[in-house]
N, C-alpha and C. Protein backbone atom coordinates (compact mmCIF):
# COMPACT_ATOMS: atom_id res chain seq x y z
N UNK A 1 -3.28 -0.41 -1.59
CA UNK A 1 -3.39 0.84 -2.28
C UNK A 1 -4.69 0.82 -3.06
N UNK A 2 -5.51 1.83 -2.83
CA UNK A 2 -6.80 1.85 -3.51
C UNK A 2 -6.95 3.04 -4.45
N UNK A 3 -5.97 3.93 -4.46
CA UNK A 3 -6.04 5.07 -5.35
C UNK A 3 -4.75 5.84 -5.37
N UNK A 4 -4.66 6.79 -6.31
CA UNK A 4 -3.47 7.63 -6.40
C UNK A 4 -3.83 8.98 -6.99
N UNK A 5 -2.97 9.95 -6.76
CA UNK A 5 -3.14 11.31 -7.27
C UNK A 5 -1.84 11.71 -7.94
N UNK A 6 -1.85 11.82 -9.25
CA UNK A 6 -0.63 12.14 -9.99
C UNK A 6 -0.21 13.60 -9.83
N UNK A 7 -1.13 14.47 -9.40
CA UNK A 7 -0.78 15.89 -9.29
C UNK A 7 0.24 16.15 -8.18
N UNK A 8 0.22 15.33 -7.12
CA UNK A 8 1.20 15.51 -6.05
C UNK A 8 1.89 14.21 -5.64
N UNK A 9 1.80 13.19 -6.50
CA UNK A 9 2.50 11.89 -6.29
C UNK A 9 2.17 11.27 -4.94
N UNK A 10 0.87 11.16 -4.65
CA UNK A 10 0.45 10.51 -3.42
C UNK A 10 -0.40 9.28 -3.74
N UNK A 11 -0.46 8.36 -2.79
CA UNK A 11 -1.26 7.15 -2.95
C UNK A 11 -2.22 7.04 -1.76
N UNK A 12 -3.40 6.51 -2.02
CA UNK A 12 -4.41 6.32 -0.98
C UNK A 12 -4.33 4.88 -0.50
N UNK A 13 -4.08 4.71 0.79
CA UNK A 13 -3.90 3.40 1.40
C UNK A 13 -5.13 3.06 2.22
N UNK A 14 -5.62 1.83 2.11
CA UNK A 14 -6.70 1.35 2.96
C UNK A 14 -6.12 0.31 3.90
N UNK A 15 -6.40 0.46 5.20
CA UNK A 15 -5.87 -0.44 6.21
C UNK A 15 -7.02 -1.01 7.03
N UNK A 16 -7.62 -2.12 6.59
CA UNK A 16 -8.76 -2.67 7.33
C UNK A 16 -8.38 -3.29 8.67
N UNK A 17 -7.11 -3.59 8.88
CA UNK A 17 -6.69 -4.21 10.14
C UNK A 17 -6.43 -3.19 11.24
N UNK A 18 -6.31 -1.93 10.88
CA UNK A 18 -5.97 -0.92 11.87
C UNK A 18 -7.20 -0.24 12.45
N UNK A 19 -6.95 0.75 13.27
CA UNK A 19 -8.02 1.54 13.87
C UNK A 19 -8.31 2.72 12.96
N UNK A 20 -9.36 3.47 13.28
CA UNK A 20 -9.75 4.63 12.47
C UNK A 20 -8.63 5.66 12.47
N UNK A 21 -8.34 6.35 11.43
CA UNK A 21 -8.99 6.25 10.13
C UNK A 21 -8.49 5.03 9.34
N UNK A 22 -9.38 4.43 8.59
CA UNK A 22 -9.04 3.22 7.84
C UNK A 22 -8.37 3.52 6.51
N UNK A 23 -8.41 4.77 6.07
CA UNK A 23 -7.70 5.17 4.84
C UNK A 23 -6.83 6.37 5.15
N UNK A 24 -5.73 6.47 4.43
CA UNK A 24 -4.84 7.61 4.61
C UNK A 24 -3.99 7.78 3.36
N UNK A 25 -3.46 8.99 3.19
CA UNK A 25 -2.63 9.33 2.03
C UNK A 25 -1.16 9.28 2.41
N UNK A 26 -0.34 8.73 1.53
CA UNK A 26 1.11 8.72 1.68
C UNK A 26 1.74 9.26 0.42
N UNK A 27 2.89 9.90 0.56
CA UNK A 27 3.65 10.25 -0.63
C UNK A 27 4.29 8.98 -1.18
N UNK A 28 4.68 9.03 -2.44
CA UNK A 28 5.32 7.86 -3.03
C UNK A 28 6.59 7.49 -2.27
N UNK A 29 7.35 8.49 -1.84
CA UNK A 29 8.59 8.22 -1.08
C UNK A 29 8.29 7.54 0.25
N UNK A 30 7.22 7.92 0.93
CA UNK A 30 6.84 7.25 2.17
C UNK A 30 6.42 5.81 1.90
N UNK A 31 5.71 5.59 0.80
CA UNK A 31 5.24 4.25 0.46
C UNK A 31 6.39 3.29 0.22
N UNK A 32 7.41 3.71 -0.52
CA UNK A 32 8.50 2.79 -0.84
C UNK A 32 9.35 2.47 0.39
N UNK A 33 9.33 3.30 1.42
CA UNK A 33 10.08 2.96 2.64
C UNK A 33 9.41 1.84 3.42
N UNK A 34 8.14 1.54 3.13
CA UNK A 34 7.43 0.46 3.80
C UNK A 34 7.73 -0.91 3.19
N UNK A 35 8.37 -0.94 2.02
CA UNK A 35 8.68 -2.19 1.34
C UNK A 35 10.04 -2.67 1.83
N UNK A 36 10.09 -3.82 2.51
CA UNK A 36 11.37 -4.30 3.03
C UNK A 36 12.27 -4.81 1.91
N UNK A 37 13.58 -4.66 2.07
CA UNK A 37 14.50 -5.21 1.07
C UNK A 37 14.44 -6.74 1.08
N UNK A 38 14.71 -7.35 -0.05
CA UNK A 38 14.59 -8.79 -0.17
C UNK A 38 15.94 -9.50 -0.16
N UNK A 39 17.03 -8.76 -0.01
CA UNK A 39 18.35 -9.38 -0.01
C UNK A 39 18.79 -9.79 1.38
N UNK A 40 19.65 -10.77 1.43
CA UNK A 40 20.23 -11.24 2.69
C UNK A 40 21.75 -11.18 2.57
N UNK A 41 22.40 -10.89 3.67
CA UNK A 41 23.86 -10.91 3.67
C UNK A 41 24.34 -11.78 4.83
N UNK A 42 25.47 -12.41 4.62
CA UNK A 42 26.01 -13.31 5.65
C UNK A 42 27.13 -12.64 6.41
């Protein structure tokens, strides 16, 4: 994450490993879905 915009709750993502475009905007809700849960169940 290289930036954010509080007016519409978006974040600017930089992805140097991907193809063009190397930066893109996501909403905060889209961003948190990319974070995997850390719990395990048996």
